[in-house]
Every structure is written in structure tokens, then in C-alpha cells.
PDB file of N, CA and C in Angstrom:
ATOM      1  N   MET A   1     -12.584  -9.994  -0.713  1.00  0.00           N
ATOM      2  CA  MET A   1     -11.422  -8.507  -0.642  1.00  0.00           C
ATOM      3  C   MET A   1     -12.419  -7.145   0.261  1.00  0.00           C
ATOM      4  N   THR A   2     -11.857  -6.712   0.956  1.00  0.00           N
ATOM      5  CA  THR A   2     -13.340  -5.254   1.861  1.00  0.00           C
ATOM      6  C   THR A   2     -12.981  -4.754  -0.304  1.00  0.00           C
ATOM      7  N   ASP A   3     -14.752  -3.752  -0.265  1.00  0.00           N
ATOM      8  CA  ASP A   3     -15.003  -2.828  -0.870  1.00  0.00           C
ATOM      9  C   ASP A   3     -13.399  -1.645  -1.266  1.00  0.00           C
ATOM     10  N   ILE A   4     -13.090  -1.371  -2.715  1.00  0.00           N
ATOM     11  CA  ILE A   4     -12.437  -0.497  -2.875  1.00  0.00           C
ATOM     12  C   ILE A   4     -12.217   0.292  -3.518  1.00  0.00           C
ATOM     13  N   SER A   5     -14.040   0.696  -4.362  1.00  0.00           N
ATOM     14  CA  SER A   5     -14.615   0.907  -4.850  1.00  0.00           C
ATOM     15  C   SER A   5     -14.696   2.535  -4.785  1.00  0.00           C
ATOM     16  N   ALA A   6     -14.013   2.666  -3.114  1.00  0.00           N
ATOM     17  CA  ALA A   6     -13.962   4.330  -3.417  1.00  0.00           C
ATOM     18  C   ALA A   6     -12.926   5.618  -3.576  1.00  0.00           C
ATOM     19  N   LEU A   7     -11.481   4.001  -2.936  1.00  0.00           N
ATOM     20  CA  LEU A   7     -10.417   4.250  -3.057  1.00  0.00           C
ATOM     21  C   LEU A   7     -10.235   4.767  -4.947  1.00  0.00           C
ATOM     22  N   GLU A   8      -9.191   6.075  -4.876  1.00  0.00           N
ATOM     23  CA  GLU A   8      -8.463   6.425  -5.311  1.00  0.00           C
ATOM     24  C   GLU A   8      -6.825   5.630  -5.965  1.00  0.00           C
ATOM     25  N   PRO A   9      -7.415   5.053  -7.032  1.00  0.00           N
ATOM     26  CA  PRO A   9      -6.321   4.577  -7.011  1.00  0.00           C
ATOM     27  C   PRO A   9      -4.400   4.461  -7.377  1.00  0.00           C
ATOM     28  N   VAL A  10      -3.139   4.870  -6.650  1.00  0.00           N
ATOM     29  CA  VAL A  10      -2.103   5.208  -6.852  1.00  0.00           C
ATOM     30  C   VAL A  10      -1.137   4.035  -7.750  1.00  0.00           C
ATOM     31  N   ALA A  11      -1.916   2.707  -7.220  1.00  0.00           N
ATOM     32  CA  ALA A  11      -0.261   2.575  -7.801  1.00  0.00           C
ATOM     33  C   ALA A  11      -0.508   0.741  -7.957  1.00  0.00           C
ATOM     34  N   THR A  12      -0.126  -0.423  -8.506  1.00  0.00           N
ATOM     35  CA  THR A  12      -0.876  -1.610  -8.423  1.00  0.00           C
ATOM     36  C   THR A  12       1.395  -2.471  -8.506  1.00  0.00           C
ATOM     37  N   PHE A  13       1.565  -3.126  -7.710  1.00  0.00           N
ATOM     38  CA  PHE A  13       3.200  -3.880  -7.626  1.00  0.00           C
ATOM     39  C   PHE A  13       2.569  -5.101  -8.073  1.00  0.00           C
ATOM     40  N   CYS A  14       3.142  -5.265  -9.348  1.00  0.00           N
ATOM     41  CA  CYS A  14       2.609  -6.324 -10.022  1.00  0.00           C
ATOM     42  C   CYS A  14       2.003  -6.417 -11.807  1.00  0.00           C
ATOM     43  N   GLY A  15       1.211  -6.607 -11.827  1.00  0.00           N
ATOM     44  CA  GLY A  15      -0.423  -5.614 -12.560  1.00  0.00           C
ATOM     45  C   GLY A  15       0.955  -7.164 -13.829  1.00  0.00           C
ATOM     46  N   LYS A  16       1.328  -7.935 -13.471  1.00  0.00           N
ATOM     47  CA  LYS A  16       1.390  -8.841 -14.620  1.00  0.00           C
ATOM     48  C   LYS A  16       0.360  -9.889 -14.298  1.00  0.00           C
ATOM     49  N   CYS A  17      -0.353 -10.053 -13.825  1.00  0.00           N
ATOM     50  CA  CYS A  17      -1.059 -11.352 -13.703  1.00  0.00           C
ATOM     51  C   CYS A  17      -2.573 -10.685 -13.186  1.00  0.00           C
ATOM     52  N   ASP A  18      -3.909 -11.469 -13.122  1.00  0.00           N
ATOM     53  CA  ASP A  18      -4.755 -11.409 -12.418  1.00  0.00           C
ATOM     54  C   ASP A  18      -4.941 -11.767 -11.485  1.00  0.00           C
ATOM     55  N   CYS A  19      -4.394 -11.315 -10.500  1.00  0.00           N
ATOM     56  CA  CYS A  19      -4.633 -12.199  -9.070  1.00  0.00           C
ATOM     57  C   CYS A  19      -5.136 -11.742  -7.805  1.00  0.00           C
ATOM     58  N   GLY A  20      -4.832 -10.169  -8.071  1.00  0.00           N
ATOM     59  CA  GLY A  20      -5.445  -9.521  -7.505  1.00  0.00           C
ATOM     60  C   GLY A  20      -3.563  -8.672  -6.766  1.00  0.00           C
ATOM     61  N   CYS A  21      -3.289  -8.471  -7.204  1.00  0.00           N
ATOM     62  CA  CYS A  21      -1.506  -7.818  -6.709  1.00  0.00           C
ATOM     63  C   CYS A  21      -1.680  -6.486  -5.898  1.00  0.00           C
ATOM     64  N   PRO A  22      -1.187  -6.429  -4.759  1.00  0.00           N
ATOM     65  CA  PRO A  22      -0.188  -5.735  -3.555  1.00  0.00           C
ATOM     66  C   PRO A  22      -0.806  -4.049  -4.376  1.00  0.00           C
ATOM     67  N   GLN A  23      -1.375  -3.504  -4.071  1.00  0.00           N
ATOM     68  CA  GLN A  23      -2.045  -2.511  -4.826  1.00  0.00           C
ATOM     69  C   GLN A  23      -1.901  -0.589  -2.960  1.00  0.00           C
ATOM     70  N   LEU A  24      -1.780   0.454  -4.083  1.00  0.00           N
ATOM     71  CA  LEU A  24      -1.735   1.373  -3.034  1.00  0.00           C
ATOM     72  C   LEU A  24      -2.342   2.897  -3.429  1.00  0.00           C
ATOM     73  N   PHE A  25      -3.670   2.899  -2.647  1.00  0.00           N
ATOM     74  CA  PHE A  25      -4.877   3.146  -3.360  1.00  0.00           C
ATOM     75  C   PHE A  25      -4.420   5.274  -2.135  1.00  0.00           C
ATOM     76  N   ILE A  26      -5.327   5.933  -2.245  1.00  0.00           N
ATOM     77  CA  ILE A  26      -5.629   6.699  -1.648  1.00  0.00           C
ATOM     78  C   ILE A  26      -6.778   6.992  -1.499  1.00  0.00           C
ATOM     79  N   ASP A  27      -7.236   7.343  -0.318  1.00  0.00           N
ATOM     80  CA  ASP A  27      -8.938   7.111   1.357  1.00  0.00           C
ATOM     81  C   ASP A  27      -9.227   8.499   1.529  1.00  0.00           C
ATOM     82  N   PRO A  28     -10.418   9.608   0.256  1.00  0.00           N
ATOM     83  CA  PRO A  28     -10.018  10.448   0.629  1.00  0.00           C
ATOM     84  C   PRO A  28     -10.895  10.924   1.527  1.00  0.00           C
ATOM     85  N   SER A  29     -12.610   9.940   2.294  1.00  0.00           N
ATOM     86  CA  SER A  29     -12.649   9.882   3.127  1.00  0.00           C
ATOM     87  C   SER A  29     -12.699   9.917   4.437  1.00  0.00           C
ATOM     88  N   ALA A  30     -11.831   8.923   4.599  1.00  0.00           N
ATOM     89  CA  ALA A  30     -10.225   9.323   5.504  1.00  0.00           C
ATOM     90  C   ALA A  30      -9.869   9.643   6.514  1.00  0.00           C
ATOM     91  N   PRO A  31     -10.329   9.631   7.520  1.00  0.00           N
ATOM     92  CA  PRO A  31      -9.213  10.188   8.564  1.00  0.00           C
ATOM     93  C   PRO A  31      -7.877  10.298   8.166  1.00  0.00           C
ATOM     94  N   ALA A  32      -6.751  10.944   8.332  1.00  0.00           N
ATOM     95  CA  ALA A  32      -5.682  11.621   8.283  1.00  0.00           C
ATOM     96  C   ALA A  32      -4.938  10.333   8.362  1.00  0.00           C
ATOM     97  N   GLU A  33      -4.982  10.562   8.995  1.00  0.00           N
ATOM     98  CA  GLU A  33      -3.834   8.984   9.513  1.00  0.00           C
ATOM     99  C   GLU A  33      -4.017   7.919   9.662  1.00  0.00           C
ATOM    100  N   ARG A  34      -4.936   8.050   8.418  1.00  0.00           N
ATOM    101  CA  ARG A  34      -5.856   6.451   7.566  1.00  0.00           C
ATOM    102  C   ARG A  34      -5.424   6.239   6.608  1.00  0.00           C
ATOM    103  N   ARG A  35      -5.153   7.422   5.329  1.00  0.00           N
ATOM    104  CA  ARG A  35      -5.645   7.781   3.850  1.00  0.00           C
ATOM    105  C   ARG A  35      -4.960   6.778   3.008  1.00  0.00           C
ATOM    106  N   VAL A  36      -3.720   6.989   3.410  1.00  0.00           N
ATOM    107  CA  VAL A  36      -3.037   5.795   2.700  1.00  0.00           C
ATOM    108  C   VAL A  36      -3.904   4.357   2.800  1.00  0.00           C
ATOM    109  N   VAL A  37      -3.922   4.085   2.229  1.00  0.00           N
ATOM    110  CA  VAL A  37      -4.427   2.287   1.966  1.00  0.00           C
ATOM    111  C   VAL A  37      -3.392   1.664   1.308  1.00  0.00           C
ATOM    112  N   LEU A  38      -2.614  -0.041   1.755  1.00  0.00           N
ATOM    113  CA  LEU A  38      -1.860  -0.963   0.834  1.00  0.00           C
ATOM    114  C   LEU A  38      -3.108  -2.085   0.690  1.00  0.00           C
ATOM    115  N   THR A  39      -3.624  -2.953   0.079  1.00  0.00           N
ATOM    116  CA  THR A  39      -4.285  -4.080  -0.049  1.00  0.00           C
ATOM    117  C   THR A  39      -3.449  -5.061  -0.521  1.00  0.00           C
ATOM    118  N   ASP A  40      -3.665  -6.341  -0.454  1.00  0.00           N
ATOM    119  CA  ASP A  40      -3.102  -7.354  -0.739  1.00  0.00           C
ATOM    120  C   ASP A  40      -3.619  -8.619  -1.479  1.00  0.00           C
ATOM    121  N   ASP A  41      -3.230  -9.232  -2.280  1.00  0.00           N
ATOM    122  CA  ASP A  41      -4.439 -10.430  -2.670  1.00  0.00           C
ATOM    123  C   ASP A  41      -4.501 -11.179  -2.066  1.00  0.00           C
ATOM    124  N   PHE A  42      -4.661 -11.077  -0.867  1.00  0.00           N
ATOM    125  CA  PHE A  42      -5.971 -11.817   0.217  1.00  0.00           C
ATOM    126  C   PHE A  42      -6.820 -11.164   0.889  1.00  0.00           C
ATOM    127  N   GLY A  43      -6.981 -10.165   0.310  1.00  0.00           N
ATOM    128  CA  GLY A  43      -7.445  -8.954   1.484  1.00  0.00           C
ATOM    129  C   GLY A  43      -7.830  -8.339   2.053  1.00  0.00           C
ATOM    130  N   GLN A  44      -6.060  -8.522   2.993  1.00  0.00           N
ATOM    131  CA  GLN A  44      -6.296  -7.452   3.715  1.00  0.00           C
ATOM    132  C   GLN A  44      -5.966  -6.658   2.987  1.00  0.00           C
ATOM    133  N   ARG A  45      -5.497  -5.192   4.188  1.00  0.00           N
ATOM    134  CA  ARG A  45      -5.461  -3.571   3.901  1.00  0.00           C
ATOM    135  C   ARG A  45      -4.673  -3.439   5.352  1.00  0.00           C
ATOM    136  N   ILE A  46      -3.657  -2.434   5.297  1.00  0.00           N
ATOM    137  CA  ILE A  46      -2.655  -1.986   5.648  1.00  0.00           C
ATOM    138  C   ILE A  46      -3.227  -0.061   5.711  1.00  0.00           C
ATOM    139  N   GLN A  47      -4.277   0.702   7.031  1.00  0.00           N
ATOM    140  CA  GLN A  47      -3.646   1.713   6.799  1.00  0.00           C
ATOM    141  C   GLN A  47      -3.143   2.894   7.324  1.00  0.00           C
ATOM    142  N   MET A  48      -2.880   3.856   7.005  1.00  0.00           N
ATOM    143  CA  MET A  48      -1.511   4.183   7.675  1.00  0.00           C
ATOM    144  C   MET A  48      -1.623   6.054   7.683  1.00  0.00           C
ATOM    145  N   SER A  49      -1.028   7.141   7.717  1.00  0.00           N
ATOM    146  CA  SER A  49      -1.159   8.604   7.401  1.00  0.00           C
ATOM    147  C   SER A  49       0.085   8.496   6.240  1.00  0.00           C
ATOM    148  N   ALA A  50       0.754  10.031   5.560  1.00  0.00           N
ATOM    149  CA  ALA A  50       0.268  10.334   4.715  1.00  0.00           C
ATOM    150  C   ALA A  50       1.889   9.982   5.090  1.00  0.00           C
ATOM    151  N   ASP A  51       2.176  10.359   6.343  1.00  0.00           N
ATOM    152  CA  ASP A  51       3.515  10.959   6.669  1.00  0.00           C
ATOM    153  C   ASP A  51       4.440   9.533   7.292  1.00  0.00           C
ATOM    154  N   GLN A  52       3.390   9.096   7.738  1.00  0.00           N
ATOM    155  CA  GLN A  52       3.963   7.514   7.844  1.00  0.00           C
ATOM    156  C   GLN A  52       4.294   6.013   7.103  1.00  0.00           C
ATOM    157  N   PHE A  53       3.135   6.568   5.721  1.00  0.00           N
ATOM    158  CA  PHE A  53       3.941   6.066   4.125  1.00  0.00           C
ATOM    159  C   PHE A  53       4.896   6.882   3.978  1.00  0.00           C
ATOM    160  N   SER A  54       5.393   7.544   3.811  1.00  0.00           N
ATOM    161  CA  SER A  54       6.518   8.668   3.317  1.00  0.00           C
ATOM    162  C   SER A  54       7.899   8.671   4.058  1.00  0.00           C
ATOM    163  N   SER A  55       7.781   8.383   5.430  1.00  0.00           N
ATOM    164  CA  SER A  55       8.863   7.142   5.847  1.00  0.00           C
ATOM    165  C   SER A  55       9.346   6.048   5.481  1.00  0.00           C
ATOM    166  N   LEU A  56       8.306   5.555   4.911  1.00  0.00           N
ATOM    167  CA  LEU A  56       8.258   3.860   4.758  1.00  0.00           C
ATOM    168  C   LEU A  56       9.188   4.309   3.221  1.00  0.00           C
ATOM    169  N   VAL A  57       8.562   5.051   2.589  1.00  0.00           N
ATOM    170  CA  VAL A  57       9.708   5.177   1.675  1.00  0.00           C
ATOM    171  C   VAL A  57      10.125   5.338   1.354  1.00  0.00           C
ATOM    172  N   ASP A  58      10.976   6.444   2.115  1.00  0.00           N
ATOM    173  CA  ASP A  58      12.115   6.979   2.557  1.00  0.00           C
ATOM    174  C   ASP A  58      13.227   5.596   2.622  1.00  0.00           C
ATOM    175  N   ASP A  59      12.843   5.079   4.244  1.00  0.00           N
ATOM    176  CA  ASP A  59      13.531   4.310   4.118  1.00  0.00           C
ATOM    177  C   ASP A  59      14.249   2.908   3.172  1.00  0.00           C
ATOM    178  N   ALA A  60      13.208   2.566   2.461  1.00  0.00           N
ATOM    179  CA  ALA A  60      13.239   2.057   1.727  1.00  0.00           C
ATOM    180  C   ALA A  60      14.254   2.574   0.448  1.00  0.00           C
ATOM    181  N   ARG A  61      14.229   3.465  -0.371  1.00  0.00           N
ATOM    182  CA  ARG A  61      15.562   4.402  -0.720  1.00  0.00           C
ATOM    183  C   ARG A  61      16.517   4.596  -0.152  1.00  0.00           C
ATOM    184  N   GLY A  62      16.326   4.672   0.879  1.00  0.00           N
ATOM    185  CA  GLY A  62      18.146   4.359   2.232  1.00  0.00           C
ATOM    186  C   GLY A  62      18.731   3.514   1.898  1.00  0.00           C
ATOM    187  N   GLY A  63      17.803   1.640   1.632  1.00  0.00           N
ATOM    188  CA  GLY A  63      18.511   0.900   1.734  1.00  0.00           C
ATOM    189  C   GLY A  63      18.046   0.033   3.138  1.00  0.00           C
ATOM    190  N   LYS A  64      17.532   0.186   3.380  1.00  0.00           N
ATOM    191  CA  LYS A  64      17.181  -0.268   4.489  1.00  0.00           C
ATOM    192  C   LYS A  64      16.338  -1.145   4.478  1.00  0.00           C
ATOM    193  N   LEU A  65      15.362  -1.642   3.239  1.00  0.00           N
ATOM    194  CA  LEU A  65      14.821  -3.295   3.633  1.00  0.00           C
ATOM    195  C   LEU A  65      15.787  -3.655   2.689  1.00  0.00           C
ATOM    196  N   ASP A  66      16.908  -3.348   1.837  1.00  0.00           N
ATOM    197  CA  ASP A  66      17.968  -3.874   1.016  1.00  0.00           C
ATOM    198  C   ASP A  66      18.089  -5.318   1.979  1.00  0.00           C
ATOM    199  N   GLY A  67      17.729  -5.459   3.117  1.00  0.00           N
ATOM    200  CA  GLY A  67      19.657  -7.214   3.758  1.00  0.00           C
ATOM    201  C   GLY A  67      17.802  -7.748   4.012  1.00  0.00           C
ATOM    202  N   ILE A  68      17.285  -7.809   3.676  1.00  0.00           N
ATOM    203  CA  ILE A  68      15.865  -8.489   3.960  1.00  0.00           C
ATOM    204  C   ILE A  68      15.685  -9.726   2.818  1.00  0.00           C
ATOM    205  N   ALA A  69      15.754 -10.760   3.657  1.00  0.00           N
ATOM    206  CA  ALA A  69      15.796 -12.113   2.586  1.00  0.00           C
ATOM    207  C   ALA A  69      14.352 -12.742   2.546  1.00  0.00           C
ATOM    208  N   LEU A  70      13.340 -12.293   1.921  1.00  0.00           N
ATOM    209  CA  LEU A  70      12.175 -13.858   1.478  1.00  0.00           C
ATOM    210  C   LEU A  70      12.405 -14.794   0.653  1.00  0.00           C
ATOM    211  N   ALA A  71      12.714 -15.740   1.527  1.00  0.00           N
ATOM    212  CA  ALA A  71      12.070 -16.969   1.113  1.00  0.00           C
ATOM    213  C   ALA A  71      11.647 -18.205   1.571  1.00  0.00           C
TER     214      ALA A  71
END
């Protein structure tokens, strides 16, 4: 995985293991449109603005993701 030591941790989504769970960070040195960082256990990352992340959270809270079947 790319170095995440300079990122500010916000949340870990699992935390029940030591597998490199998905995590949410803030990158204070990134441009505003790339400040929110999501990492996965495969070493990948997604960067987005706070507005984009807020929209994603609002959609999830509103049930927009409830019908997704992940099997």
C-alpha cells in the first residue's frame, strides 16, 4: 500500500482483524478536491473532495445503496 503516515485517520471500517481494513483519512496537504482519502485492503485509494464525500454519505443515509447485492 502507498504510504499513509502523513494522513490523518478518521475511521476504520472493520477493525475486527489485522487484514488492512478499509480506512478513511484526511490528507491535509492535498488540494481540496482530493483531501478525503479512502483506502482498501488491496493497497488502492480513492481521493475526493469533502463535498463529494458528503454527497456519498447523504446518499447512503437516504437508502440509495440499500438495494446493492454484493454476493
